[in-house]
Amino acid sequence: MSDKVDLRKYSSQVVDGVERAPGRSMLRAVGFTDEDFKKPQIGIASTWAMVTPCNM
């Protein structure tokens, strides 16, 4: 049994792979770098805000 936990279990479903290119391009537009995509991501949901570019 491995003690290593996959910290990107859910993040990888959002940004990894060719089919996720549109999502990655939106994140790059708000400042994500290649190094950021290697880190786990945490999402915060809000029903209304004026701080997001488009409908992320």
PDB file of N, CA and C in Angstrom:
ATOM      1  N   MET A   1       0.843  -1.189   0.000  1.00  0.00           N
ATOM      2  CA  MET A   1       0.000   0.000   0.000  1.00  0.00           C
ATOM      3  C   MET A   1       0.881   1.243   0.000  1.00  0.00           C
ATOM      4  N   SER A   2       0.549   2.179  -0.829  1.00  0.00           N
ATOM      5  CA  SER A   2       1.330   3.406  -0.947  1.00  0.00           C
ATOM      6  C   SER A   2       0.753   4.479  -0.033  1.00  0.00           C
ATOM      7  N   ASP A   3       1.637   5.210   0.622  1.00  0.00           N
ATOM      8  CA  ASP A   3       1.202   6.307   1.486  1.00  0.00           C
ATOM      9  C   ASP A   3       1.067   7.614   0.715  1.00  0.00           C
ATOM     10  N   LYS A   4       1.454   7.604  -0.555  1.00  0.00           N
ATOM     11  CA  LYS A   4       1.412   8.817  -1.359  1.00  0.00           C
ATOM     12  C   LYS A   4      -0.022   9.083  -1.837  1.00  0.00           C
ATOM     13  N   VAL A   5      -0.507  10.268  -1.560  1.00  0.00           N
ATOM     14  CA  VAL A   5      -1.861  10.665  -1.938  1.00  0.00           C
ATOM     15  C   VAL A   5      -1.786  11.515  -3.202  1.00  0.00           C
ATOM     16  N   ASP A   6      -2.662  11.241  -4.157  1.00  0.00           N
ATOM     17  CA  ASP A   6      -2.714  12.032  -5.386  1.00  0.00           C
ATOM     18  C   ASP A   6      -3.459  13.331  -5.102  1.00  0.00           C
ATOM     19  N   LEU A   7      -2.712  14.418  -4.925  1.00  0.00           N
ATOM     20  CA  LEU A   7      -3.321  15.707  -4.594  1.00  0.00           C
ATOM     21  C   LEU A   7      -4.044  16.339  -5.776  1.00  0.00           C
ATOM     22  N   ARG A   8      -3.749  15.853  -6.988  1.00  0.00           N
ATOM     23  CA  ARG A   8      -4.380  16.421  -8.181  1.00  0.00           C
ATOM     24  C   ARG A   8      -5.482  15.513  -8.730  1.00  0.00           C
ATOM     25  N   LYS A   9      -6.042  14.666  -7.894  1.00  0.00           N
ATOM     26  CA  LYS A   9      -7.058  13.705  -8.342  1.00  0.00           C
ATOM     27  C   LYS A   9      -8.191  14.389  -9.104  1.00  0.00           C
ATOM     28  N   TYR A  10      -8.698  15.456  -8.577  1.00  0.00           N
ATOM     29  CA  TYR A  10      -9.813  16.158  -9.218  1.00  0.00           C
ATOM     30  C   TYR A  10      -9.333  17.284 -10.129  1.00  0.00           C
ATOM     31  N   SER A  11      -8.254  17.954  -9.760  1.00  0.00           N
ATOM     32  CA  SER A  11      -7.719  19.038 -10.591  1.00  0.00           C
ATOM     33  C   SER A  11      -7.330  18.524 -11.968  1.00  0.00           C
ATOM     34  N   SER A  12      -6.764  17.317 -12.028  1.00  0.00           N
ATOM     35  CA  SER A  12      -6.326  16.769 -13.312  1.00  0.00           C
ATOM     36  C   SER A  12      -7.510  16.530 -14.245  1.00  0.00           C
ATOM     37  N   GLN A  13      -8.681  16.262 -13.717  1.00  0.00           N
ATOM     38  CA  GLN A  13      -9.868  16.055 -14.547  1.00  0.00           C
ATOM     39  C   GLN A  13     -10.310  17.346 -15.223  1.00  0.00           C
ATOM     40  N   VAL A  14      -9.898  18.464 -14.682  1.00  0.00           N
ATOM     41  CA  VAL A  14     -10.304  19.762 -15.219  1.00  0.00           C
ATOM     42  C   VAL A  14      -9.307  20.300 -16.239  1.00  0.00           C
ATOM     43  N   VAL A  15      -8.010  20.031 -16.064  1.00  0.00           N
ATOM     44  CA  VAL A  15      -7.007  20.689 -16.907  1.00  0.00           C
ATOM     45  C   VAL A  15      -6.096  19.762 -17.707  1.00  0.00           C
ATOM     46  N   ASP A  16      -6.120  18.460 -17.475  1.00  0.00           N
ATOM     47  CA  ASP A  16      -5.215  17.562 -18.200  1.00  0.00           C
ATOM     48  C   ASP A  16      -5.874  17.000 -19.456  1.00  0.00           C
ATOM     49  N   GLY A  17      -5.088  16.873 -20.516  1.00  0.00           N
ATOM     50  CA  GLY A  17      -5.571  16.275 -21.751  1.00  0.00           C
ATOM     51  C   GLY A  17      -5.911  17.299 -22.819  1.00  0.00           C
ATOM     52  N   VAL A  18      -5.917  16.809 -24.060  1.00  0.00           N
ATOM     53  CA  VAL A  18      -6.192  17.671 -25.211  1.00  0.00           C
ATOM     54  C   VAL A  18      -7.596  18.268 -25.138  1.00  0.00           C
ATOM     55  N   GLU A  19      -8.543  17.471 -24.684  1.00  0.00           N
ATOM     56  CA  GLU A  19      -9.930  17.946 -24.644  1.00  0.00           C
ATOM     57  C   GLU A  19     -10.156  19.041 -23.612  1.00  0.00           C
ATOM     58  N   ARG A  20      -9.194  19.288 -22.747  1.00  0.00           N
ATOM     59  CA  ARG A  20      -9.317  20.327 -21.714  1.00  0.00           C
ATOM     60  C   ARG A  20      -8.587  21.623 -22.089  1.00  0.00           C
ATOM     61  N   ALA A  21      -8.155  21.737 -23.334  1.00  0.00           N
ATOM     62  CA  ALA A  21      -7.427  22.928 -23.787  1.00  0.00           C
ATOM     63  C   ALA A  21      -8.214  24.227 -23.588  1.00  0.00           C
ATOM     64  N   PRO A  22      -9.522  24.258 -23.868  1.00  0.00           N
ATOM     65  CA  PRO A  22     -10.257  25.510 -23.643  1.00  0.00           C
ATOM     66  C   PRO A  22     -10.223  25.968 -22.180  1.00  0.00           C
ATOM     67  N   GLY A  23     -10.346  25.037 -21.259  1.00  0.00           N
ATOM     68  CA  GLY A  23     -10.279  25.389 -19.837  1.00  0.00           C
ATOM     69  C   GLY A  23      -8.909  25.901 -19.437  1.00  0.00           C
ATOM     70  N   ARG A  24      -7.863  25.252 -19.955  1.00  0.00           N
ATOM     71  CA  ARG A  24      -6.497  25.711 -19.664  1.00  0.00           C
ATOM     72  C   ARG A  24      -6.257  27.098 -20.231  1.00  0.00           C
ATOM     73  N   SER A  25      -6.792  27.372 -21.417  1.00  0.00           N
ATOM     74  CA  SER A  25      -6.563  28.694 -22.014  1.00  0.00           C
ATOM     75  C   SER A  25      -7.228  29.789 -21.186  1.00  0.00           C
ATOM     76  N   MET A  26      -8.394  29.494 -20.626  1.00  0.00           N
ATOM     77  CA  MET A  26      -9.068  30.473 -19.767  1.00  0.00           C
ATOM     78  C   MET A  26      -8.250  30.719 -18.498  1.00  0.00           C
ATOM     79  N   LEU A  27      -7.710  29.650 -17.918  1.00  0.00           N
ATOM     80  CA  LEU A  27      -6.897  29.809 -16.716  1.00  0.00           C
ATOM     81  C   LEU A  27      -5.589  30.538 -17.022  1.00  0.00           C
ATOM     82  N   ARG A  28      -5.006  30.286 -18.189  1.00  0.00           N
ATOM     83  CA  ARG A  28      -3.790  31.022 -18.579  1.00  0.00           C
ATOM     84  C   ARG A  28      -4.096  32.511 -18.749  1.00  0.00           C
ATOM     85  N   ALA A  29      -5.286  32.816 -19.236  1.00  0.00           N
ATOM     86  CA  ALA A  29      -5.674  34.217 -19.432  1.00  0.00           C
ATOM     87  C   ALA A  29      -5.751  34.985 -18.118  1.00  0.00           C
ATOM     88  N   VAL A  30      -6.005  34.282 -17.016  1.00  0.00           N
ATOM     89  CA  VAL A  30      -6.056  34.953 -15.717  1.00  0.00           C
ATOM     90  C   VAL A  30      -4.750  34.806 -14.944  1.00  0.00           C
ATOM     91  N   GLY A  31      -3.690  34.286 -15.619  1.00  0.00           N
ATOM     92  CA  GLY A  31      -2.370  34.305 -15.007  1.00  0.00           C
ATOM     93  C   GLY A  31      -1.759  32.978 -14.596  1.00  0.00           C
ATOM     94  N   PHE A  32      -2.415  31.858 -14.854  1.00  0.00           N
ATOM     95  CA  PHE A  32      -1.824  30.561 -14.501  1.00  0.00           C
ATOM     96  C   PHE A  32      -0.580  30.296 -15.344  1.00  0.00           C
ATOM     97  N   THR A  33       0.418  29.663 -14.738  1.00  0.00           N
ATOM     98  CA  THR A  33       1.639  29.260 -15.434  1.00  0.00           C
ATOM     99  C   THR A  33       1.685  27.736 -15.509  1.00  0.00           C
ATOM    100  N   ASP A  34       2.679  27.198 -16.222  1.00  0.00           N
ATOM    101  CA  ASP A  34       2.845  25.744 -16.292  1.00  0.00           C
ATOM    102  C   ASP A  34       3.017  25.151 -14.900  1.00  0.00           C
ATOM    103  N   GLU A  35       3.724  25.843 -14.037  1.00  0.00           N
ATOM    104  CA  GLU A  35       3.932  25.361 -12.665  1.00  0.00           C
ATOM    105  C   GLU A  35       2.617  25.311 -11.887  1.00  0.00           C
ATOM    106  N   ASP A  36       1.729  26.251 -12.136  1.00  0.00           N
ATOM    107  CA  ASP A  36       0.437  26.269 -11.445  1.00  0.00           C
ATOM    108  C   ASP A  36      -0.406  25.043 -11.786  1.00  0.00           C
ATOM    109  N   PHE A  37      -0.296  24.562 -13.025  1.00  0.00           N
ATOM    110  CA  PHE A  37      -1.076  23.401 -13.433  1.00  0.00           C
ATOM    111  C   PHE A  37      -0.577  22.114 -12.782  1.00  0.00           C
ATOM    112  N   LYS A  38       0.619  22.124 -12.230  1.00  0.00           N
ATOM    113  CA  LYS A  38       1.165  20.951 -11.544  1.00  0.00           C
ATOM    114  C   LYS A  38       0.713  20.882 -10.088  1.00  0.00           C
ATOM    115  N   LYS A  39       0.091  21.943  -9.607  1.00  0.00           N
ATOM    116  CA  LYS A  39      -0.359  22.019  -8.215  1.00  0.00           C
ATOM    117  C   LYS A  39      -1.840  21.647  -8.119  1.00  0.00           C
ATOM    118  N   PRO A  40      -2.281  21.191  -6.947  1.00  0.00           N
ATOM    119  CA  PRO A  40      -3.717  20.969  -6.766  1.00  0.00           C
ATOM    120  C   PRO A  40      -4.456  22.305  -6.796  1.00  0.00           C
ATOM    121  N   GLN A  41      -5.663  22.296  -7.303  1.00  0.00           N
ATOM    122  CA  GLN A  41      -6.455  23.519  -7.389  1.00  0.00           C
ATOM    123  C   GLN A  41      -7.670  23.407  -6.481  1.00  0.00           C
ATOM    124  N   ILE A  42      -8.030  24.508  -5.887  1.00  0.00           N
ATOM    125  CA  ILE A  42      -9.191  24.569  -5.006  1.00  0.00           C
ATOM    126  C   ILE A  42     -10.170  25.566  -5.603  1.00  0.00           C
ATOM    127  N   GLY A  43     -11.401  25.173  -5.747  1.00  0.00           N
ATOM    128  CA  GLY A  43     -12.413  26.049  -6.321  1.00  0.00           C
ATOM    129  C   GLY A  43     -13.306  26.656  -5.258  1.00  0.00           C
ATOM    130  N   ILE A  44     -13.687  27.888  -5.475  1.00  0.00           N
ATOM    131  CA  ILE A  44     -14.627  28.575  -4.589  1.00  0.00           C
ATOM    132  C   ILE A  44     -15.803  29.003  -5.457  1.00  0.00           C
ATOM    133  N   ALA A  45     -16.983  28.567  -5.104  1.00  0.00           N
ATOM    134  CA  ALA A  45     -18.166  28.859  -5.912  1.00  0.00           C
ATOM    135  C   ALA A  45     -18.952  30.030  -5.328  1.00  0.00           C
ATOM    136  N   SER A  46     -19.455  30.854  -6.221  1.00  0.00           N
ATOM    137  CA  SER A  46     -20.306  31.966  -5.831  1.00  0.00           C
ATOM    138  C   SER A  46     -21.382  32.114  -6.894  1.00  0.00           C
ATOM    139  N   THR A  47     -22.563  32.473  -6.496  1.00  0.00           N
ATOM    140  CA  THR A  47     -23.636  32.639  -7.475  1.00  0.00           C
ATOM    141  C   THR A  47     -23.571  33.986  -8.188  1.00  0.00           C
ATOM    142  N   TRP A  48     -22.785  34.897  -7.671  1.00  0.00           N
ATOM    143  CA  TRP A  48     -22.681  36.204  -8.301  1.00  0.00           C
ATOM    144  C   TRP A  48     -21.353  36.849  -7.952  1.00  0.00           C
ATOM    145  N   ALA A  49     -20.693  37.411  -8.937  1.00  0.00           N
ATOM    146  CA  ALA A  49     -19.458  38.149  -8.710  1.00  0.00           C
ATOM    147  C   ALA A  49     -19.106  38.928  -9.964  1.00  0.00           C
ATOM    148  N   MET A  50     -18.408  40.033  -9.793  1.00  0.00           N
ATOM    149  CA  MET A  50     -17.949  40.817 -10.933  1.00  0.00           C
ATOM    150  C   MET A  50     -16.446  40.663 -11.136  1.00  0.00           C
ATOM    151  N   VAL A  51     -15.821  39.687 -10.480  1.00  0.00           N
ATOM    152  CA  VAL A  51     -14.371  39.555 -10.553  1.00  0.00           C
ATOM    153  C   VAL A  51     -13.905  38.456 -11.494  1.00  0.00           C
ATOM    154  N   THR A  52     -14.809  37.704 -12.112  1.00  0.00           N
ATOM    155  CA  THR A  52     -14.383  36.629 -13.001  1.00  0.00           C
ATOM    156  C   THR A  52     -14.484  37.063 -14.452  1.00  0.00           C
ATOM    157  N   PRO A  53     -13.509  36.680 -15.261  1.00  0.00           N
ATOM    158  CA  PRO A  53     -13.591  36.993 -16.683  1.00  0.00           C
ATOM    159  C   PRO A  53     -14.485  35.967 -17.383  1.00  0.00           C
ATOM    160  N   CYS A  54     -15.644  36.330 -17.764  1.00  0.00           N
ATOM    161  CA  CYS A  54     -16.561  35.430 -18.461  1.00  0.00           C
ATOM    162  C   CYS A  54     -17.296  34.542 -17.463  1.00  0.00           C
ATOM    163  N   ASN A  55     -17.565  33.320 -17.829  1.00  0.00           N
ATOM    164  CA  ASN A  55     -18.374  32.416 -16.996  1.00  0.00           C
ATOM    165  C   ASN A  55     -17.559  31.215 -16.530  1.00  0.00           C
ATOM    166  N   MET A  56     -16.456  31.476 -15.864  1.00  0.00           N
ATOM    167  CA  MET A  56     -15.557  30.402 -15.436  1.00  0.00           C
ATOM    168  C   MET A  56     -16.220  29.423 -14.536  1.00  0.00           C
TER     169      MET A  56
END
